[in-house]
Amino acid sequence: MRALAASGMALALSACAVGPDYQRPAMDLGQAYKQSSSALQAAVVDAGVNPGWIPAASSAPLRGDWWLLFDDPMLSGLMRDLNSANLNIAQAEAQYRQAQAQLQGARAGFFPTVGASSSASRSGTGSAGSSSGSSSVSNQYSLSGTVSWEPDLWGRISRTVEAGEAGLQAGGADLAATRLSMQSTLAQTYFDLRVTDAERRLLQQTVQAYTQSLALTRNRYDAGIAAQADIETSTAQLENARAQALALDRQRAQLENAIAVLLGRTPAEFSLPETTVAARVPVVPVELPSELLLRRPDVIAAERRTAQANARIGVAQAAWFPNLALTAQGGFRSGQWAQWLTAPASFWSLGPALALTIFDGGAREAQLREARAAYDAQAANYRQTALTALREVEDYLVQLSVLGHEQVVQGRALAAARESLRLTQNQYQAGLIDYLSVVQVETTALNAERSALALVAGRLAASVQLIAALGGGWNPEAGTAGPVPVQEPGAETPPL
């Protein structure tokens, strides 16, 4: 009865958990993004340009398969392969399973430990120097079971489980962050490759045009109306264009190899055919800054690790209190096999054991200070991670706005360069100007064409980076949120 009373008291006390209860560190991220109401954003909209983002209040929020916004079937196929074959994602998944196993091990502390043992021994005694030479031999057989349980009097086990649950949630957020990072890297690499393909086609057309110009210049030289210097200038221009085309071939091969590794394949077994894709910058729904604390995986991971560090303070504080262990043992013990399982051979024991560390040289105090310092470090890391996320969103918002307006201006410059090139070539064919003037205008036109493609690449990359900075539509509760938003009308990027 006394043992049962002690057990009941232990169960009543097990609801007490020492240590601070967790509260998420306060963070003030503001009511809106700085760029959401800027004059620059208004100017871009007034110019009729797709700004690349809109407030989420007027559209559905992002969803997990955010790459569908770009309406590129090849990109969607690559994303499917990435999610199933990327080795970084596989590593993060294994680490998440490891966190699951650790939590299961922590929860095992709530339950009693049951064990069994069986033994058989034969022993003897004798006096070698005695005249009689008598000796005795005996057998011993035993079978026993043991049940032991440590009530969670001070919450050590419950705080350990709390830390394990927070660690598991952080591991899930890490997995989502890794997946989002790999998806973002793949999308940016893919669009870089597509822009590189467009540049290669541009340079192929340029090489053809320069080849025709060289042939025309040679004909004019043969007719005595062009100088040898014009031929050399045209030849140098042609070879420079060929060299730039070769450099793009190298760049494309490297991008293709990078995609192969992202898909968990060797570069030798992967190739991506060249296609013309009508790329356009999608409209990305941007939610309030406070949503970053709930939707961005790395911010959630940092917050959950703060909760984990808080729970470990309770574990360290519980070490100052005594441990109570309830143990029960019973079985059979006999010297004869035939009487092994009989009632007279049975034995049992039941009782609590209380243990308290009196002196440890300050080890527990040091562990407690370490746990509190770890919490402070994690709280600071959480706040820094949230501020970094806020800065990244602001950066990509202004980048999309500026690039959209810049693309409009660059479009006017490109149209003027093309018209200037047409007029200059007509003047050269009419013999009104020398070839050096043509070369200068052709160089300007080529640079304008490549600058336009660079802006296409910049806007596509900024769109992907903004989506990743917003959390990629990841929802720790439901996984995705809402349908894909419909694109608004506006200036579109040229086909790649």
Protein backbone atom coordinates (compact mmCIF):
# COMPACT_ATOMS: atom_id res chain seq x y z
CA MET A 1 0.00 0.00 0.00
CA ARG A 2 2.81 2.37 0.79
CA ALA A 3 4.39 1.61 -2.59
CA LEU A 4 1.08 2.30 -4.34
CA ALA A 5 0.70 5.55 -2.44
CA ALA A 6 4.19 6.62 -3.51
CA SER A 7 3.32 5.78 -7.11
CA GLY A 8 0.13 7.85 -6.95
CA MET A 9 2.03 10.81 -5.55
CA ALA A 10 4.61 10.49 -8.27
CA LEU A 11 1.88 10.56 -10.93
CA ALA A 12 0.42 13.70 -9.38
CA LEU A 13 3.78 15.41 -9.35
CA SER A 14 4.63 14.34 -12.89
CA ALA A 15 2.41 17.14 -14.21
CA CYS A 16 4.88 19.69 -12.81
CA ALA A 17 7.49 20.81 -15.33
CA VAL A 18 10.23 23.22 -14.36
CA GLY A 19 11.67 25.75 -16.76
CA PRO A 20 10.15 28.66 -18.71
CA ASP A 21 7.14 28.14 -20.94
CA TYR A 22 7.93 29.12 -24.51
CA GLN A 23 6.74 32.33 -26.10
CA ARG A 24 7.81 33.29 -29.59
CA PRO A 25 10.25 36.23 -29.56
CA ALA A 26 8.49 39.42 -30.55
CA MET A 27 9.21 40.73 -34.06
CA ASP A 28 7.87 43.91 -35.63
CA LEU A 29 8.13 43.63 -39.41
CA GLY A 30 5.81 46.53 -40.19
CA GLN A 31 2.37 46.68 -41.80
CA ALA A 32 3.50 46.78 -45.44
CA TYR A 33 6.57 46.57 -47.62
CA LYS A 34 8.42 49.75 -48.37
CA GLN A 35 8.24 49.18 -52.13
CA SER A 36 4.51 48.45 -52.14
CA SER A 37 3.64 52.13 -52.06
CA SER A 38 6.71 53.65 -53.65
CA ALA A 39 6.57 56.20 -56.43
CA LEU A 40 8.72 53.88 -58.52
CA GLN A 41 6.09 51.14 -58.41
CA ALA A 42 3.39 53.63 -59.40
CA ALA A 43 5.52 54.86 -62.29
CA VAL A 44 5.97 51.33 -63.60
CA VAL A 45 2.25 50.65 -63.46
CA ASP A 46 1.46 53.97 -65.14
CA ALA A 47 3.88 53.07 -67.93
CA GLY A 48 1.81 49.97 -68.69
CA VAL A 49 4.49 47.51 -67.57
CA ASN A 50 3.83 44.25 -65.80
CA PRO A 51 5.44 45.10 -62.43
CA GLY A 52 6.07 41.42 -61.67
CA TRP A 53 4.07 41.43 -58.44
CA ILE A 54 0.80 42.59 -56.94
CA PRO A 55 -0.57 42.70 -53.38
CA ALA A 56 -1.94 39.31 -52.39
CA ALA A 57 -5.15 40.94 -51.14
CA SER A 58 -6.30 41.25 -54.76
CA SER A 59 -5.19 37.79 -55.83
CA ALA A 60 -4.79 34.28 -54.52
CA PRO A 61 -1.59 33.61 -52.54
CA LEU A 62 1.25 31.52 -53.83
CA ARG A 63 0.94 27.75 -54.03
CA GLY A 64 3.58 25.08 -53.67
CA ASP A 65 3.96 24.36 -57.40
CA TRP A 66 4.82 27.99 -58.07
CA TRP A 67 6.79 27.21 -61.23
CA LEU A 68 3.47 26.74 -63.06
CA LEU A 69 3.26 30.54 -63.05
CA PHE A 70 5.85 30.56 -65.83
CA ASP A 71 3.74 28.23 -68.02
CA ASP A 72 6.75 26.24 -69.24
CA PRO A 73 6.07 22.50 -69.63
CA MET A 74 9.77 21.65 -69.83
CA LEU A 75 10.47 23.48 -66.58
CA SER A 76 7.57 21.65 -64.93
CA GLY A 77 9.01 18.30 -66.03
CA LEU A 78 12.42 19.20 -64.66
CA MET A 79 10.84 20.17 -61.32
CA ARG A 80 9.17 16.76 -61.05
CA ASP A 81 12.50 15.06 -61.60
CA LEU A 82 14.18 17.38 -59.12
CA ASN A 83 11.75 16.62 -56.29
CA SER A 84 12.29 12.87 -56.68
CA ALA A 85 16.00 12.65 -57.53
CA ASN A 86 17.88 15.63 -56.07
CA LEU A 87 20.47 14.42 -53.59
CA ASN A 88 20.35 17.53 -51.39
CA ILE A 89 16.63 16.95 -50.91
CA ALA A 90 17.28 13.27 -50.21
CA GLN A 91 19.81 14.24 -47.55
CA ALA A 92 17.36 16.65 -45.92
CA GLU A 93 14.67 13.95 -45.94
CA ALA A 94 17.03 11.54 -44.20
CA GLN A 95 17.82 14.17 -41.57
CA TYR A 96 14.10 14.67 -41.03
CA ARG A 97 13.65 10.94 -40.46
CA GLN A 98 16.53 11.11 -38.02
CA ALA A 99 14.70 13.84 -36.09
CA GLN A 100 11.58 11.65 -36.06
CA ALA A 101 13.56 8.78 -34.54
CA GLN A 102 15.07 11.09 -31.91
CA LEU A 103 11.60 12.29 -30.91
CA GLN A 104 10.37 8.70 -30.65
CA GLY A 105 13.32 7.92 -28.39
CA ALA A 106 12.50 10.90 -26.18
CA ARG A 107 8.86 9.84 -25.86
CA ALA A 108 9.95 6.38 -24.74
CA GLY A 109 10.92 7.97 -21.39
CA PHE A 110 7.22 8.24 -20.48
CA PHE A 111 6.85 4.46 -20.42
CA PRO A 112 8.22 1.81 -18.04
CA THR A 113 11.11 -0.43 -18.96
CA VAL A 114 10.38 -4.16 -18.84
CA GLY A 115 13.15 -6.74 -18.80
CA ALA A 116 13.60 -10.47 -18.26
CA SER A 117 16.56 -12.60 -17.41
CA SER A 118 17.30 -16.31 -17.02
CA SER A 119 20.41 -18.02 -15.75
CA ALA A 120 21.78 -21.43 -14.79
CA SER A 121 25.00 -22.00 -12.86
CA ARG A 122 26.88 -24.87 -11.25
CA SER A 123 29.33 -24.26 -8.42
CA GLY A 124 31.36 -26.33 -6.04
CA THR A 125 33.58 -26.06 -2.97
CA GLY A 126 36.25 -28.37 -1.63
CA SER A 127 39.39 -28.51 0.56
CA ALA A 128 42.33 -29.90 -1.37
CA GLY A 129 44.44 -30.36 1.80
CA SER A 130 41.87 -32.25 3.87
CA SER A 131 42.34 -35.95 4.52
CA SER A 132 38.77 -36.78 3.58
CA GLY A 133 38.90 -34.84 0.30
CA SER A 134 35.24 -33.93 0.66
CA SER A 135 33.68 -31.40 -1.69
CA SER A 136 30.19 -30.01 -2.40
CA VAL A 137 28.61 -29.18 -5.74
CA SER A 138 25.39 -27.22 -6.17
CA ASN A 139 23.20 -26.02 -9.06
CA GLN A 140 21.32 -22.73 -9.25
CA TYR A 141 18.49 -21.93 -11.70
CA SER A 142 16.72 -18.59 -11.88
CA LEU A 143 14.07 -16.85 -13.98
CA SER A 144 13.09 -13.25 -13.24
CA GLY A 145 11.35 -10.22 -14.68
CA THR A 146 11.93 -6.57 -13.89
CA VAL A 147 9.76 -3.50 -14.37
CA SER A 148 11.17 -0.05 -13.71
CA TRP A 149 9.65 3.36 -14.27
CA GLU A 150 10.87 6.87 -13.59
CA PRO A 151 7.98 9.29 -13.05
CA ASP A 152 8.48 12.64 -14.74
CA LEU A 153 8.34 14.55 -11.45
CA TRP A 154 9.97 17.76 -12.62
CA GLY A 155 9.23 17.65 -16.32
CA ARG A 156 12.65 16.52 -17.50
CA ILE A 157 11.14 13.99 -19.88
CA SER A 158 8.29 16.25 -21.00
CA ARG A 159 10.74 19.08 -21.70
CA THR A 160 12.95 16.67 -23.61
CA VAL A 161 9.95 15.62 -25.69
CA GLU A 162 9.01 19.27 -26.18
CA ALA A 163 12.52 19.95 -27.46
CA GLY A 164 12.30 16.91 -29.73
CA GLU A 165 8.98 18.04 -31.19
CA ALA A 166 10.36 21.51 -31.88
CA GLY A 167 13.45 19.92 -33.44
CA LEU A 168 11.26 17.75 -35.66
CA GLN A 169 9.29 20.79 -36.80
CA ALA A 170 12.55 22.61 -37.49
CA GLY A 171 13.72 19.59 -39.49
CA GLY A 172 10.52 19.70 -41.55
CA ALA A 173 11.10 23.39 -42.23
CA ASP A 174 14.72 22.65 -43.16
CA LEU A 175 13.49 20.05 -45.63
CA ALA A 176 11.08 22.57 -47.15
CA ALA A 177 13.84 25.21 -47.27
CA THR A 178 16.20 22.79 -49.01
CA ARG A 179 13.56 21.81 -51.53
CA LEU A 180 12.70 25.45 -52.22
CA SER A 181 16.37 26.36 -52.59
CA MET A 182 16.94 23.55 -55.10
CA GLN A 183 13.78 24.49 -57.02
CA SER A 184 14.86 28.13 -57.14
CA THR A 185 18.35 27.18 -58.30
CA LEU A 186 16.94 24.92 -61.01
CA ALA A 187 14.53 27.58 -62.29
CA GLN A 188 17.22 30.25 -62.42
CA THR A 189 19.69 27.91 -64.13
CA TYR A 190 17.03 26.84 -66.61
CA PHE A 191 16.15 30.42 -67.54
CA ASP A 192 19.84 31.29 -67.82
CA LEU A 193 20.20 28.43 -70.27
CA ARG A 194 17.20 29.59 -72.27
CA VAL A 195 18.56 33.14 -72.46
CA THR A 196 21.92 31.70 -73.50
CA ASP A 197 20.16 29.81 -76.30
CA ALA A 198 18.55 33.08 -77.42
CA GLU A 199 21.93 34.81 -77.39
CA ARG A 200 23.42 31.96 -79.42
CA ARG A 201 20.70 32.34 -82.03
CA LEU A 202 21.29 36.08 -82.06
CA LEU A 203 25.00 35.60 -82.62
CA GLN A 204 24.39 32.99 -85.30
CA GLN A 205 22.26 35.52 -87.15
CA THR A 206 24.94 38.15 -86.52
CA VAL A 207 27.66 35.89 -87.93
CA GLN A 208 25.55 35.32 -91.03
CA ALA A 209 25.01 39.05 -91.44
CA TYR A 210 28.70 39.81 -90.91
CA THR A 211 29.62 37.12 -93.43
CA GLN A 212 27.39 38.78 -96.01
CA SER A 213 28.88 42.16 -95.13
CA LEU A 214 32.38 40.77 -95.66
CA ALA A 215 31.36 39.38 -99.04
CA LEU A 216 29.85 42.74 -99.99
CA THR A 217 32.98 44.57 -98.89
CA ARG A 218 35.19 42.27 -100.95
CA ASN A 219 33.01 42.85 -104.00
CA ARG A 220 33.28 46.59 -103.48
CA TYR A 221 37.05 46.22 -103.05
CA ASP A 222 37.27 44.26 -106.31
CA ALA A 223 35.27 47.04 -107.99
CA GLY A 224 37.75 49.60 -106.65
CA ILE A 225 35.27 51.46 -104.41
CA ALA A 226 36.44 50.04 -101.02
CA ALA A 227 39.80 49.97 -99.31
CA GLN A 228 41.77 47.01 -98.00
CA ALA A 229 41.23 48.38 -94.49
CA ASP A 230 37.48 47.84 -94.92
CA ILE A 231 38.08 44.15 -95.63
CA GLU A 232 40.28 43.77 -92.54
CA THR A 233 37.78 45.59 -90.36
CA SER A 234 34.93 43.41 -91.63
CA THR A 235 37.02 40.26 -91.08
CA ALA A 236 37.89 41.27 -87.51
CA GLN A 237 34.25 41.99 -86.79
CA LEU A 238 33.19 38.58 -88.12
CA GLU A 239 35.82 36.65 -86.16
CA ASN A 240 34.96 38.51 -82.95
CA ALA A 241 31.33 37.47 -83.37
CA ARG A 242 32.39 33.86 -83.91
CA ALA A 243 34.51 33.96 -80.75
CA GLN A 244 31.56 35.28 -78.74
CA ALA A 245 29.39 32.48 -80.13
CA LEU A 246 31.95 29.88 -79.01
CA ALA A 247 32.01 31.40 -75.53
CA LEU A 248 28.23 30.98 -75.37
CA ASP A 249 28.60 27.32 -76.38
CA ARG A 250 30.87 26.81 -73.37
CA GLN A 251 28.47 28.68 -71.09
CA ARG A 252 25.51 26.59 -72.26
CA ALA A 253 27.35 23.33 -71.66
CA GLN A 254 28.18 24.38 -68.12
CA LEU A 255 24.58 25.35 -67.40
CA GLU A 256 23.38 22.03 -68.80
CA ASN A 257 25.85 20.19 -66.54
CA ALA A 258 24.59 22.15 -63.53
CA ILE A 259 21.00 21.10 -64.28
CA ALA A 260 22.08 17.48 -64.61
CA VAL A 261 23.67 17.51 -61.14
CA LEU A 262 20.57 19.16 -59.67
CA LEU A 263 18.54 16.26 -61.07
CA GLY A 264 20.92 13.71 -59.54
CA ARG A 265 22.29 12.59 -62.91
CA THR A 266 25.70 12.61 -64.50
CA PRO A 267 26.32 15.26 -67.17
CA ALA A 268 27.10 12.54 -69.71
CA GLU A 269 23.56 11.12 -69.58
CA PHE A 270 21.68 14.40 -69.65
CA SER A 271 20.99 16.89 -72.40
CA LEU A 272 18.41 19.61 -72.85
CA PRO A 273 17.32 20.39 -76.39
CA GLU A 274 17.25 23.95 -77.59
CA THR A 275 13.74 25.31 -77.87
CA THR A 276 12.15 28.71 -78.35
CA VAL A 277 10.10 29.55 -75.26
CA ALA A 278 7.84 32.60 -75.08
CA ALA A 279 9.00 33.60 -71.61
CA ARG A 280 7.00 36.16 -69.68
CA VAL A 281 7.34 37.51 -66.20
CA PRO A 282 4.42 36.26 -64.08
CA VAL A 283 2.52 38.25 -61.52
CA VAL A 284 3.65 37.17 -58.05
CA PRO A 285 1.16 37.75 -55.19
CA VAL A 286 2.94 39.43 -52.28
CA GLU A 287 1.45 39.03 -48.82
CA LEU A 288 1.99 41.11 -45.70
CA PRO A 289 5.43 41.10 -44.02
CA SER A 290 4.02 39.20 -41.05
CA GLU A 291 3.29 36.25 -43.34
CA LEU A 292 7.04 35.68 -43.67
CA LEU A 293 7.03 34.44 -40.07
CA LEU A 294 4.47 31.79 -41.00
CA ARG A 295 5.30 30.87 -44.59
CA ARG A 296 9.04 31.08 -45.09
CA PRO A 297 10.75 27.77 -44.17
CA ASP A 298 14.05 29.13 -42.90
CA VAL A 299 12.29 31.62 -40.62
CA ILE A 300 10.07 28.87 -39.23
CA ALA A 301 13.09 26.62 -38.72
CA ALA A 302 14.87 29.37 -36.77
CA GLU A 303 11.77 29.97 -34.63
CA ARG A 304 11.34 26.25 -33.89
CA ARG A 305 14.98 25.95 -32.87
CA THR A 306 14.37 28.84 -30.48
CA ALA A 307 11.52 26.82 -28.95
CA GLN A 308 13.81 23.80 -28.78
CA ALA A 309 16.45 25.80 -26.91
CA ASN A 310 13.81 27.09 -24.50
CA ALA A 311 12.71 23.54 -23.66
CA ARG A 312 16.30 22.52 -22.99
CA ILE A 313 16.46 25.14 -20.24
CA GLY A 314 13.81 23.11 -18.41
CA VAL A 315 15.81 19.93 -18.93
CA ALA A 316 18.85 21.59 -17.40
CA GLN A 317 16.83 22.92 -14.45
CA ALA A 318 15.33 19.48 -13.75
CA ALA A 319 18.81 18.16 -13.03
CA TRP A 320 18.73 20.07 -9.72
CA PHE A 321 15.85 17.95 -8.39
CA PRO A 322 15.90 14.32 -7.16
CA ASN A 323 15.02 11.42 -9.43
CA LEU A 324 12.48 8.83 -8.32
CA ALA A 325 12.58 5.32 -9.75
CA LEU A 326 9.88 2.69 -9.10
CA THR A 327 11.14 -0.85 -9.52
CA ALA A 328 9.36 -4.21 -9.28
CA GLN A 329 11.04 -7.58 -9.66
CA GLY A 330 9.77 -11.13 -9.41
CA GLY A 331 10.68 -14.63 -10.50
CA PHE A 332 11.79 -18.06 -9.46
CA ARG A 333 15.06 -19.28 -8.02
CA SER A 334 15.90 -22.88 -7.10
CA GLY A 335 18.77 -25.27 -6.81
CA GLN A 336 16.86 -28.12 -8.49
CA TRP A 337 15.41 -28.06 -11.97
CA ALA A 338 12.29 -29.92 -10.95
CA GLN A 339 11.45 -27.32 -8.33
CA TRP A 340 12.33 -24.33 -10.50
CA LEU A 341 8.80 -23.08 -11.18
CA THR A 342 7.21 -24.06 -7.89
CA ALA A 343 5.76 -21.63 -5.38
CA PRO A 344 8.41 -22.11 -2.71
CA ALA A 345 11.07 -21.07 -5.24
CA SER A 346 9.41 -17.76 -6.10
CA PHE A 347 10.65 -14.36 -5.02
CA TRP A 348 9.60 -10.72 -5.53
CA SER A 349 10.56 -7.20 -4.58
CA LEU A 350 8.87 -3.80 -4.95
CA GLY A 351 10.00 -0.36 -3.90
CA PRO A 352 10.96 3.17 -4.88
CA ALA A 353 14.47 4.59 -5.11
CA LEU A 354 15.21 8.29 -4.69
CA ALA A 355 18.50 9.75 -5.98
CA LEU A 356 19.82 13.28 -5.63
CA THR A 357 23.16 14.69 -6.65
CA ILE A 358 24.64 16.62 -3.72
CA PHE A 359 27.83 17.99 -5.27
CA ASP A 360 29.02 18.01 -8.86
CA GLY A 361 31.59 20.80 -8.90
CA GLY A 362 29.23 23.27 -10.62
CA ALA A 363 28.46 21.06 -13.61
CA ARG A 364 24.68 21.53 -13.40
CA GLU A 365 25.00 25.28 -13.01
CA ALA A 366 27.26 25.41 -16.06
CA GLN A 367 24.78 23.34 -18.07
CA LEU A 368 21.96 25.68 -17.08
CA ARG A 369 23.93 28.76 -18.09
CA GLU A 370 24.83 27.06 -21.36
CA ALA A 371 21.14 26.30 -22.07
CA ARG A 372 20.11 29.89 -21.38
CA ALA A 373 22.89 31.25 -23.56
CA ALA A 374 21.88 28.84 -26.34
CA TYR A 375 18.33 30.17 -26.14
CA ASP A 376 19.52 33.78 -26.38
CA ALA A 377 21.64 32.86 -29.41
CA GLN A 378 18.73 31.11 -31.14
CA ALA A 379 16.38 34.01 -30.41
CA ALA A 380 18.86 36.45 -31.95
CA ASN A 381 19.29 34.13 -34.93
CA TYR A 382 15.53 33.98 -35.38
CA ARG A 383 15.20 37.76 -35.39
CA GLN A 384 18.14 38.09 -37.79
CA THR A 385 16.68 35.46 -40.12
CA ALA A 386 13.34 37.29 -40.18
CA LEU A 387 15.01 40.64 -40.91
CA THR A 388 17.09 39.05 -43.67
CA ALA A 389 13.93 37.59 -45.20
CA LEU A 390 12.28 41.00 -45.08
CA ARG A 391 15.29 42.63 -46.76
CA GLU A 392 15.36 40.03 -49.52
CA VAL A 393 11.70 40.57 -50.35
CA GLU A 394 12.20 44.34 -50.44
CA ASP A 395 15.27 43.90 -52.67
CA TYR A 396 13.47 41.72 -55.20
CA LEU A 397 10.39 43.95 -55.22
CA VAL A 398 12.44 46.99 -56.19
CA GLN A 399 14.53 44.90 -58.57
CA LEU A 400 11.43 43.74 -60.44
CA SER A 401 10.03 47.27 -60.55
CA VAL A 402 13.25 48.83 -61.81
CA LEU A 403 13.91 46.10 -64.35
CA GLY A 404 10.36 46.41 -65.69
CA HIS A 405 10.76 50.11 -66.29
CA GLU A 406 14.29 49.60 -67.61
CA GLN A 407 12.99 47.06 -70.09
CA VAL A 408 10.58 49.62 -71.52
CA VAL A 409 13.37 52.15 -71.94
CA GLN A 410 15.69 49.50 -73.38
CA GLY A 411 12.96 48.51 -75.84
CA ARG A 412 12.91 52.05 -77.22
CA ALA A 413 16.70 52.04 -77.44
CA LEU A 414 16.65 48.70 -79.26
CA ALA A 415 14.10 49.92 -81.79
CA ALA A 416 16.21 53.02 -82.45
CA ALA A 417 19.37 50.93 -82.83
CA ARG A 418 17.70 48.63 -85.36
CA GLU A 419 16.43 51.56 -87.39
CA SER A 420 19.83 53.26 -87.26
CA LEU A 421 21.47 50.06 -88.48
CA ARG A 422 19.05 49.81 -91.41
CA LEU A 423 19.68 53.39 -92.46
CA THR A 424 23.45 53.08 -92.07
CA GLN A 425 23.59 49.93 -94.20
CA ASN A 426 21.59 51.64 -96.92
CA GLN A 427 23.96 54.62 -96.84
CA TYR A 428 26.98 52.32 -97.09
CA GLN A 429 25.54 50.44 -100.03
CA ALA A 430 24.91 53.79 -101.70
CA GLY A 431 28.54 54.75 -101.12
CA LEU A 432 27.73 57.69 -98.85
CA ILE A 433 29.72 56.54 -95.78
CA ASP A 434 32.71 54.32 -95.08
CA TYR A 435 32.57 50.85 -93.57
CA LEU A 436 33.92 51.98 -90.20
CA SER A 437 30.69 53.87 -89.58
CA VAL A 438 28.74 50.70 -90.34
CA VAL A 439 30.82 48.71 -87.89
CA GLN A 440 30.16 51.18 -85.12
CA VAL A 441 26.40 51.09 -85.66
CA GLU A 442 26.37 47.28 -85.95
CA THR A 443 28.26 47.01 -82.66
CA THR A 444 25.78 49.34 -80.99
CA ALA A 445 22.84 47.33 -82.34
CA LEU A 446 24.35 44.02 -81.19
CA ASN A 447 24.97 45.41 -77.71
CA ALA A 448 21.39 46.66 -77.56
CA GLU A 449 20.08 43.22 -78.56
CA ARG A 450 22.18 41.50 -75.88
CA SER A 451 21.19 44.08 -73.27
CA ALA A 452 17.54 43.36 -74.00
CA LEU A 453 18.12 39.65 -73.47
CA ALA A 454 20.03 40.38 -70.25
CA LEU A 455 17.00 42.27 -68.96
CA VAL A 456 14.81 39.28 -69.82
CA ALA A 457 17.11 37.06 -67.79
CA GLY A 458 17.21 39.57 -64.95
CA ARG A 459 13.44 39.85 -64.66
CA LEU A 460 12.92 36.08 -64.80
CA ALA A 461 15.61 35.51 -62.16
CA ALA A 462 14.17 38.26 -59.96
CA SER A 463 10.72 36.67 -60.21
CA VAL A 464 12.08 33.31 -59.08
CA GLN A 465 14.07 34.94 -56.28
CA LEU A 466 11.02 36.88 -55.09
CA ILE A 467 8.96 33.69 -54.98
CA ALA A 468 11.69 31.96 -52.98
CA ALA A 469 12.00 34.96 -50.65
CA LEU A 470 8.26 34.77 -49.98
CA GLY A 471 8.55 31.10 -49.04
CA GLY A 472 7.56 29.57 -52.35
CA GLY A 473 3.95 29.12 -51.26
CA TRP A 474 4.94 26.56 -48.62
CA ASN A 475 2.35 26.11 -45.90
CA PRO A 476 3.41 23.99 -42.90
CA GLU A 477 -0.24 23.17 -42.24
CA ALA A 478 -1.67 22.46 -45.69
CA GLY A 479 1.37 22.35 -47.99
CA THR A 480 -0.07 24.68 -50.65
CA ALA A 481 -2.45 27.58 -50.63
CA GLY A 482 -4.88 28.46 -53.36
CA PRO A 483 -4.88 28.32 -57.15
CA VAL A 484 -2.33 29.85 -59.47
CA PRO A 485 -3.09 33.58 -59.89
CA VAL A 486 -4.08 34.77 -63.35
CA GLN A 487 -1.53 36.98 -65.07
CA GLU A 488 -2.40 40.62 -65.49
CA PRO A 489 -1.98 42.33 -68.86
CA GLY A 490 1.19 44.29 -69.39
CA ALA A 491 4.47 44.39 -71.24
CA GLU A 492 5.75 40.88 -71.90
CA THR A 493 9.29 39.75 -72.37
CA PRO A 494 10.32 38.66 -75.86
CA PRO A 495 10.44 34.94 -76.71
CA LEU A 496 13.61 33.14 -75.78
